[in-house]
Amino acid sequence: MKKLILITILIILPGFSSKGFSQTKRIDFSITLSGAILYGIDYHYSFNAHSAIRAGVYVGVEKRHFVPGIHANYQYTFLPGNKFSPYIGVGPDFMLTTDSKKGWRHLTLLKFPVGGVYKKSEKTHFGIEIWPVYFFAKK
């Protein structure tokens, strides 16, 4: 069993709106405490297009290509109309890992921030989101 600790930085770029629903591209960058760099892109669907930056940490334990873990992060969101909103997320995650012949490790991350608190216009929203990220890391 290997411990996997990631320091994550997430940059969210606004997507396009379609009938009040938007697609947002997210660019993930993470670095492990052992120095391996991971990066990936995923797509997130929400009810408003927005930009944001998020920093957090992921802690997990690898057991035969399965890495259960937990994440905690803080996000600062730039909403339309120059509104700013903080976001605090905590939730369980898991990763699936595979090794390639060229010495790269592929990690697929699914996040479930069920404890996320999104403050917007004095209202607090508890949400669940599931989004896969495909990472590449040098072994």
N, C-alpha and C. Protein backbone atom coordinates (compact mmCIF):
# COMPACT_ATOMS: atom_id res chain seq x y z
N MET A 1 0.84 -1.19 0.00
CA MET A 1 0.00 0.00 0.00
C MET A 1 0.89 1.24 0.00
N LYS A 2 0.59 2.14 -0.93
CA LYS A 2 1.35 3.38 -1.02
C LYS A 2 0.44 4.55 -0.67
N LYS A 3 0.98 5.49 0.10
CA LYS A 3 0.22 6.71 0.37
C LYS A 3 0.37 7.64 -0.82
N LEU A 4 -0.72 8.25 -1.21
CA LEU A 4 -0.71 9.20 -2.32
C LEU A 4 -1.24 10.52 -1.81
N ILE A 5 -0.40 11.53 -1.82
CA ILE A 5 -0.81 12.86 -1.37
C ILE A 5 -0.59 13.83 -2.52
N LEU A 6 -1.63 14.53 -2.93
CA LEU A 6 -1.54 15.49 -4.03
C LEU A 6 -1.83 16.88 -3.51
N ILE A 7 -1.02 17.83 -3.92
CA ILE A 7 -1.34 19.24 -3.70
C ILE A 7 -1.91 19.72 -5.03
N THR A 8 -3.16 20.13 -5.04
CA THR A 8 -3.84 20.41 -6.30
C THR A 8 -4.12 21.89 -6.50
N ILE A 9 -4.01 22.29 -7.74
CA ILE A 9 -4.41 23.63 -8.17
C ILE A 9 -5.36 23.44 -9.34
N LEU A 10 -6.50 24.08 -9.29
CA LEU A 10 -7.52 23.92 -10.32
C LEU A 10 -7.86 25.28 -10.90
N ILE A 11 -7.80 25.39 -12.21
CA ILE A 11 -8.19 26.62 -12.89
C ILE A 11 -9.43 26.31 -13.71
N ILE A 12 -10.49 27.07 -13.51
CA ILE A 12 -11.75 26.85 -14.22
C ILE A 12 -11.96 27.98 -15.21
N LEU A 13 -12.17 27.61 -16.45
CA LEU A 13 -12.43 28.59 -17.50
C LEU A 13 -13.91 28.55 -17.86
N PRO A 14 -14.51 29.71 -18.14
CA PRO A 14 -15.94 29.72 -18.45
C PRO A 14 -16.23 28.97 -19.75
N GLY A 15 -17.36 28.29 -19.77
CA GLY A 15 -17.74 27.55 -20.96
C GLY A 15 -18.84 28.26 -21.71
N PHE A 16 -19.61 27.51 -22.46
CA PHE A 16 -20.68 28.10 -23.25
C PHE A 16 -22.02 27.80 -22.60
N SER A 17 -22.98 28.69 -22.80
CA SER A 17 -24.30 28.50 -22.23
C SER A 17 -25.26 27.97 -23.28
N SER A 18 -26.13 27.08 -22.87
CA SER A 18 -27.13 26.53 -23.75
C SER A 18 -28.39 26.29 -22.93
N LYS A 19 -29.40 27.13 -23.15
CA LYS A 19 -30.66 27.03 -22.41
C LYS A 19 -30.44 27.10 -20.91
N GLY A 20 -29.58 28.00 -20.49
CA GLY A 20 -29.34 28.18 -19.07
C GLY A 20 -28.38 27.18 -18.46
N PHE A 21 -27.86 26.27 -19.28
CA PHE A 21 -26.94 25.24 -18.80
C PHE A 21 -25.60 25.50 -19.43
N SER A 22 -24.53 25.39 -18.70
CA SER A 22 -23.22 25.71 -19.26
C SER A 22 -22.26 24.55 -19.11
N GLN A 23 -21.33 24.51 -20.04
CA GLN A 23 -20.25 23.54 -19.96
C GLN A 23 -18.99 24.30 -19.62
N THR A 24 -18.28 23.86 -18.61
CA THR A 24 -17.09 24.56 -18.16
C THR A 24 -15.88 23.65 -18.28
N LYS A 25 -14.83 24.16 -18.88
CA LYS A 25 -13.59 23.39 -18.97
C LYS A 25 -12.77 23.65 -17.72
N ARG A 26 -12.24 22.60 -17.16
CA ARG A 26 -11.38 22.74 -15.99
C ARG A 26 -10.00 22.21 -16.34
N ILE A 27 -8.99 22.93 -15.92
CA ILE A 27 -7.62 22.49 -16.11
C ILE A 27 -7.05 22.17 -14.74
N ASP A 28 -6.65 20.94 -14.54
CA ASP A 28 -6.13 20.51 -13.25
C ASP A 28 -4.61 20.40 -13.30
N PHE A 29 -3.98 20.80 -12.24
CA PHE A 29 -2.53 20.63 -12.10
C PHE A 29 -2.28 20.18 -10.67
N SER A 30 -1.59 19.10 -10.51
CA SER A 30 -1.30 18.59 -9.18
C SER A 30 0.16 18.18 -9.10
N ILE A 31 0.69 18.18 -7.91
CA ILE A 31 2.04 17.68 -7.70
C ILE A 31 2.03 16.83 -6.44
N THR A 32 2.66 15.67 -6.51
CA THR A 32 2.71 14.80 -5.35
C THR A 32 3.87 15.21 -4.47
N LEU A 33 3.84 14.76 -3.24
CA LEU A 33 4.93 15.09 -2.33
C LEU A 33 6.24 14.43 -2.77
N SER A 34 6.15 13.40 -3.60
CA SER A 34 7.36 12.77 -4.12
C SER A 34 7.88 13.48 -5.36
N GLY A 35 7.15 14.50 -5.83
CA GLY A 35 7.62 15.30 -6.95
C GLY A 35 7.02 14.95 -8.29
N ALA A 36 6.18 13.93 -8.37
CA ALA A 36 5.55 13.60 -9.65
C ALA A 36 4.50 14.65 -9.99
N ILE A 37 4.49 15.09 -11.23
CA ILE A 37 3.54 16.11 -11.67
C ILE A 37 2.39 15.43 -12.41
N LEU A 38 1.19 15.84 -12.09
CA LEU A 38 0.00 15.30 -12.74
C LEU A 38 -0.78 16.45 -13.34
N TYR A 39 -1.40 16.20 -14.46
CA TYR A 39 -2.22 17.24 -15.05
C TYR A 39 -3.34 16.59 -15.84
N GLY A 40 -4.41 17.33 -16.02
CA GLY A 40 -5.54 16.78 -16.76
C GLY A 40 -6.57 17.84 -17.06
N ILE A 41 -7.51 17.49 -17.89
CA ILE A 41 -8.60 18.39 -18.26
C ILE A 41 -9.90 17.62 -18.10
N ASP A 42 -10.89 18.27 -17.55
CA ASP A 42 -12.19 17.62 -17.46
C ASP A 42 -13.27 18.63 -17.79
N TYR A 43 -14.47 18.14 -17.94
CA TYR A 43 -15.60 19.00 -18.27
C TYR A 43 -16.63 18.91 -17.15
N HIS A 44 -17.16 20.06 -16.79
CA HIS A 44 -18.10 20.15 -15.68
C HIS A 44 -19.34 20.88 -16.18
N TYR A 45 -20.50 20.40 -15.79
CA TYR A 45 -21.75 21.03 -16.20
C TYR A 45 -22.38 21.73 -15.01
N SER A 46 -22.76 22.98 -15.20
CA SER A 46 -23.36 23.74 -14.11
C SER A 46 -24.43 24.66 -14.68
N PHE A 47 -25.09 25.37 -13.79
CA PHE A 47 -26.18 26.24 -14.22
C PHE A 47 -25.72 27.66 -14.52
N ASN A 48 -24.43 27.93 -14.36
CA ASN A 48 -23.93 29.24 -14.74
C ASN A 48 -22.47 29.12 -15.15
N ALA A 49 -22.11 29.83 -16.21
CA ALA A 49 -20.72 29.83 -16.64
C ALA A 49 -19.92 30.72 -15.70
N HIS A 50 -18.76 30.26 -15.29
CA HIS A 50 -17.99 31.05 -14.35
C HIS A 50 -16.51 30.71 -14.49
N SER A 51 -15.69 31.56 -13.92
CA SER A 51 -14.26 31.31 -13.84
C SER A 51 -13.91 31.16 -12.36
N ALA A 52 -12.87 30.40 -12.09
CA ALA A 52 -12.50 30.20 -10.69
C ALA A 52 -11.08 29.67 -10.60
N ILE A 53 -10.55 29.76 -9.41
CA ILE A 53 -9.28 29.12 -9.10
C ILE A 53 -9.46 28.39 -7.77
N ARG A 54 -8.93 27.19 -7.70
CA ARG A 54 -9.14 26.35 -6.53
C ARG A 54 -7.81 25.74 -6.10
N ALA A 55 -7.60 25.66 -4.81
CA ALA A 55 -6.42 24.99 -4.27
C ALA A 55 -6.87 24.00 -3.22
N GLY A 56 -6.20 22.87 -3.17
CA GLY A 56 -6.62 21.88 -2.19
C GLY A 56 -5.60 20.77 -2.04
N VAL A 57 -6.04 19.73 -1.37
CA VAL A 57 -5.16 18.59 -1.12
C VAL A 57 -5.98 17.31 -1.27
N TYR A 58 -5.35 16.28 -1.80
CA TYR A 58 -5.96 14.96 -1.94
C TYR A 58 -5.08 13.97 -1.20
N VAL A 59 -5.68 13.16 -0.37
CA VAL A 59 -4.93 12.15 0.38
C VAL A 59 -5.60 10.80 0.14
N GLY A 60 -4.81 9.82 -0.28
CA GLY A 60 -5.35 8.50 -0.52
C GLY A 60 -4.31 7.42 -0.27
N VAL A 61 -4.76 6.18 -0.28
CA VAL A 61 -3.88 5.02 -0.11
C VAL A 61 -4.12 4.08 -1.28
N GLU A 62 -3.05 3.76 -2.01
CA GLU A 62 -3.18 2.92 -3.20
C GLU A 62 -3.17 1.44 -2.82
N LYS A 63 -4.18 0.73 -3.33
CA LYS A 63 -4.27 -0.72 -3.13
C LYS A 63 -4.58 -1.35 -4.48
N ARG A 64 -3.58 -1.89 -5.13
CA ARG A 64 -3.78 -2.59 -6.40
C ARG A 64 -4.53 -1.75 -7.42
N HIS A 65 -4.03 -0.65 -7.78
CA HIS A 65 -4.58 0.25 -8.80
C HIS A 65 -5.90 0.91 -8.39
N PHE A 66 -6.26 0.82 -7.15
CA PHE A 66 -7.45 1.51 -6.64
C PHE A 66 -7.00 2.40 -5.49
N VAL A 67 -7.32 3.68 -5.57
CA VAL A 67 -6.84 4.64 -4.57
C VAL A 67 -8.02 5.35 -3.92
N PRO A 68 -8.59 4.80 -2.86
CA PRO A 68 -9.62 5.55 -2.14
C PRO A 68 -8.98 6.68 -1.35
N GLY A 69 -9.69 7.79 -1.27
CA GLY A 69 -9.12 8.93 -0.55
C GLY A 69 -10.16 9.98 -0.24
N ILE A 70 -9.68 11.13 0.17
CA ILE A 70 -10.55 12.26 0.51
C ILE A 70 -9.87 13.54 0.06
N HIS A 71 -10.68 14.52 -0.33
CA HIS A 71 -10.10 15.79 -0.75
C HIS A 71 -10.72 16.92 0.07
N ALA A 72 -9.98 17.99 0.15
CA ALA A 72 -10.47 19.22 0.77
C ALA A 72 -9.91 20.37 -0.05
N ASN A 73 -10.75 21.34 -0.38
CA ASN A 73 -10.26 22.45 -1.19
C ASN A 73 -11.02 23.73 -0.90
N TYR A 74 -10.42 24.82 -1.33
CA TYR A 74 -11.04 26.14 -1.23
C TYR A 74 -11.02 26.76 -2.61
N GLN A 75 -12.16 27.24 -3.05
CA GLN A 75 -12.28 27.80 -4.39
C GLN A 75 -12.77 29.23 -4.32
N TYR A 76 -12.19 30.07 -5.15
CA TYR A 76 -12.65 31.45 -5.27
C TYR A 76 -13.23 31.60 -6.67
N THR A 77 -14.51 31.89 -6.75
CA THR A 77 -15.24 31.89 -8.01
C THR A 77 -15.53 33.31 -8.46
N PHE A 78 -15.37 33.53 -9.75
CA PHE A 78 -15.70 34.81 -10.37
C PHE A 78 -16.98 34.60 -11.18
N LEU A 79 -18.08 35.06 -10.64
CA LEU A 79 -19.38 34.86 -11.27
C LEU A 79 -19.69 35.99 -12.24
N PRO A 80 -20.61 35.76 -13.18
CA PRO A 80 -21.02 36.85 -14.08
C PRO A 80 -21.53 38.05 -13.30
N GLY A 81 -21.29 39.24 -13.79
CA GLY A 81 -21.71 40.45 -13.11
C GLY A 81 -20.73 40.90 -12.06
N ASN A 82 -19.48 40.44 -12.16
CA ASN A 82 -18.42 40.82 -11.22
C ASN A 82 -18.74 40.44 -9.77
N LYS A 83 -19.45 39.35 -9.58
CA LYS A 83 -19.72 38.85 -8.23
C LYS A 83 -18.65 37.83 -7.88
N PHE A 84 -18.23 37.84 -6.63
CA PHE A 84 -17.21 36.91 -6.17
C PHE A 84 -17.84 35.99 -5.12
N SER A 85 -17.49 34.74 -5.17
CA SER A 85 -18.09 33.80 -4.23
C SER A 85 -17.07 32.75 -3.81
N PRO A 86 -16.89 32.55 -2.50
CA PRO A 86 -15.99 31.48 -2.05
C PRO A 86 -16.69 30.13 -2.04
N TYR A 87 -15.92 29.08 -2.15
CA TYR A 87 -16.46 27.72 -2.15
C TYR A 87 -15.53 26.85 -1.32
N ILE A 88 -16.08 26.08 -0.42
CA ILE A 88 -15.30 25.14 0.36
C ILE A 88 -15.83 23.74 0.08
N GLY A 89 -14.97 22.86 -0.35
CA GLY A 89 -15.40 21.51 -0.69
C GLY A 89 -14.63 20.45 0.06
N VAL A 90 -15.35 19.46 0.56
CA VAL A 90 -14.74 18.31 1.21
C VAL A 90 -15.52 17.09 0.75
N GLY A 91 -14.83 16.04 0.40
CA GLY A 91 -15.58 14.88 -0.02
C GLY A 91 -14.70 13.68 -0.30
N PRO A 92 -15.33 12.52 -0.44
CA PRO A 92 -14.59 11.30 -0.76
C PRO A 92 -14.26 11.24 -2.25
N ASP A 93 -13.17 10.61 -2.58
CA ASP A 93 -12.76 10.43 -3.97
C ASP A 93 -12.20 9.03 -4.13
N PHE A 94 -12.02 8.64 -5.38
CA PHE A 94 -11.19 7.48 -5.62
C PHE A 94 -10.51 7.62 -6.96
N MET A 95 -9.34 7.00 -7.06
CA MET A 95 -8.57 7.00 -8.29
C MET A 95 -8.40 5.56 -8.76
N LEU A 96 -8.33 5.40 -10.06
CA LEU A 96 -7.95 4.13 -10.66
C LEU A 96 -6.64 4.36 -11.38
N THR A 97 -5.66 3.48 -11.21
CA THR A 97 -4.35 3.69 -11.82
C THR A 97 -4.00 2.54 -12.75
N THR A 98 -3.29 2.87 -13.81
CA THR A 98 -2.72 1.87 -14.71
C THR A 98 -1.32 2.33 -15.06
N ASP A 99 -0.46 1.39 -15.38
CA ASP A 99 0.92 1.70 -15.74
C ASP A 99 1.14 1.41 -17.22
N SER A 100 1.82 2.33 -17.91
CA SER A 100 2.12 2.13 -19.32
C SER A 100 3.52 1.55 -19.48
N LYS A 101 3.82 1.11 -20.69
CA LYS A 101 5.14 0.52 -20.97
C LYS A 101 6.24 1.58 -20.99
N LYS A 102 5.88 2.83 -21.17
CA LYS A 102 6.88 3.89 -21.27
C LYS A 102 7.19 4.53 -19.92
N GLY A 103 6.76 3.91 -18.86
CA GLY A 103 7.10 4.42 -17.54
C GLY A 103 6.18 5.51 -17.02
N TRP A 104 5.02 5.69 -17.68
CA TRP A 104 4.06 6.69 -17.21
C TRP A 104 2.96 6.00 -16.45
N ARG A 105 2.44 6.67 -15.47
CA ARG A 105 1.31 6.14 -14.71
C ARG A 105 0.08 6.98 -15.06
N HIS A 106 -1.01 6.32 -15.36
CA HIS A 106 -2.26 6.99 -15.68
C HIS A 106 -3.19 6.88 -14.48
N LEU A 107 -3.71 8.01 -14.05
CA LEU A 107 -4.63 8.02 -12.92
C LEU A 107 -5.95 8.64 -13.35
N THR A 108 -7.02 7.93 -13.17
CA THR A 108 -8.35 8.46 -13.44
C THR A 108 -8.99 8.80 -12.10
N LEU A 109 -9.31 10.06 -11.92
CA LEU A 109 -9.82 10.54 -10.63
C LEU A 109 -11.30 10.87 -10.74
N LEU A 110 -12.10 10.34 -9.85
CA LEU A 110 -13.51 10.69 -9.74
C LEU A 110 -13.71 11.37 -8.40
N LYS A 111 -14.31 12.55 -8.42
CA LYS A 111 -14.48 13.32 -7.17
C LYS A 111 -15.96 13.42 -6.82
N PHE A 112 -16.24 13.31 -5.56
CA PHE A 112 -17.61 13.41 -5.06
C PHE A 112 -17.64 14.42 -3.91
N PRO A 113 -17.65 15.71 -4.19
CA PRO A 113 -17.63 16.69 -3.09
C PRO A 113 -19.00 16.86 -2.45
N VAL A 114 -19.47 15.83 -1.79
CA VAL A 114 -20.82 15.88 -1.21
C VAL A 114 -20.92 16.89 -0.08
N GLY A 115 -19.78 17.29 0.47
CA GLY A 115 -19.83 18.27 1.55
C GLY A 115 -19.55 19.67 1.08
N GLY A 116 -19.63 19.90 -0.22
CA GLY A 116 -19.30 21.21 -0.75
C GLY A 116 -20.29 22.28 -0.33
N VAL A 117 -19.80 23.42 0.03
CA VAL A 117 -20.64 24.56 0.37
C VAL A 117 -20.34 25.68 -0.61
N TYR A 118 -21.33 26.09 -1.35
CA TYR A 118 -21.15 27.11 -2.37
C TYR A 118 -21.97 28.33 -1.99
N LYS A 119 -21.31 29.41 -1.61
CA LYS A 119 -22.03 30.59 -1.14
C LYS A 119 -22.21 31.56 -2.30
N LYS A 120 -23.44 31.92 -2.59
CA LYS A 120 -23.74 32.81 -3.70
C LYS A 120 -24.97 33.63 -3.33
N SER A 121 -24.81 34.92 -3.33
CA SER A 121 -25.93 35.83 -3.05
C SER A 121 -26.61 35.49 -1.72
N GLU A 122 -25.82 35.29 -0.67
CA GLU A 122 -26.32 35.01 0.67
C GLU A 122 -27.03 33.67 0.79
N LYS A 123 -26.96 32.82 -0.25
CA LYS A 123 -27.60 31.51 -0.18
C LYS A 123 -26.50 30.45 -0.18
N THR A 124 -26.71 29.41 0.58
CA THR A 124 -25.74 28.32 0.65
C THR A 124 -26.32 27.10 -0.05
N HIS A 125 -25.52 26.50 -0.91
CA HIS A 125 -25.98 25.35 -1.70
C HIS A 125 -25.07 24.15 -1.42
N PHE A 126 -25.68 23.04 -1.07
CA PHE A 126 -24.93 21.80 -0.89
C PHE A 126 -25.10 20.99 -2.17
N GLY A 127 -24.01 20.67 -2.81
CA GLY A 127 -24.13 20.00 -4.09
C GLY A 127 -23.31 18.72 -4.17
N ILE A 128 -23.66 17.94 -5.14
CA ILE A 128 -22.90 16.73 -5.46
C ILE A 128 -22.48 16.83 -6.91
N GLU A 129 -21.22 16.62 -7.17
CA GLU A 129 -20.76 16.62 -8.55
C GLU A 129 -19.82 15.44 -8.75
N ILE A 130 -19.87 14.88 -9.92
CA ILE A 130 -19.01 13.77 -10.28
C ILE A 130 -18.30 14.15 -11.57
N TRP A 131 -17.00 14.18 -11.54
CA TRP A 131 -16.28 14.53 -12.77
C TRP A 131 -14.97 13.78 -12.85
N PRO A 132 -14.71 13.15 -13.98
CA PRO A 132 -13.47 12.40 -14.13
C PRO A 132 -12.33 13.27 -14.63
N VAL A 133 -11.15 13.00 -14.16
CA VAL A 133 -9.95 13.67 -14.64
C VAL A 133 -8.96 12.57 -15.01
N TYR A 134 -8.33 12.73 -16.16
CA TYR A 134 -7.35 11.74 -16.60
C TYR A 134 -5.97 12.33 -16.44
N PHE A 135 -5.20 11.82 -15.51
CA PHE A 135 -3.89 12.35 -15.20
C PHE A 135 -2.79 11.47 -15.81
N PHE A 136 -1.65 12.08 -16.00
CA PHE A 136 -0.46 11.35 -16.42
C PHE A 136 0.65 11.69 -15.43
N ALA A 137 1.33 10.72 -14.94
CA ALA A 137 2.41 10.97 -13.99
C ALA A 137 3.58 10.06 -14.30
N LYS A 138 4.77 10.61 -14.27
CA LYS A 138 5.98 9.82 -14.49
C LYS A 138 6.24 8.99 -13.24
N LYS A 139 6.47 7.69 -13.43
CA LYS A 139 6.71 6.81 -12.28
C LYS A 139 8.09 7.09 -11.69
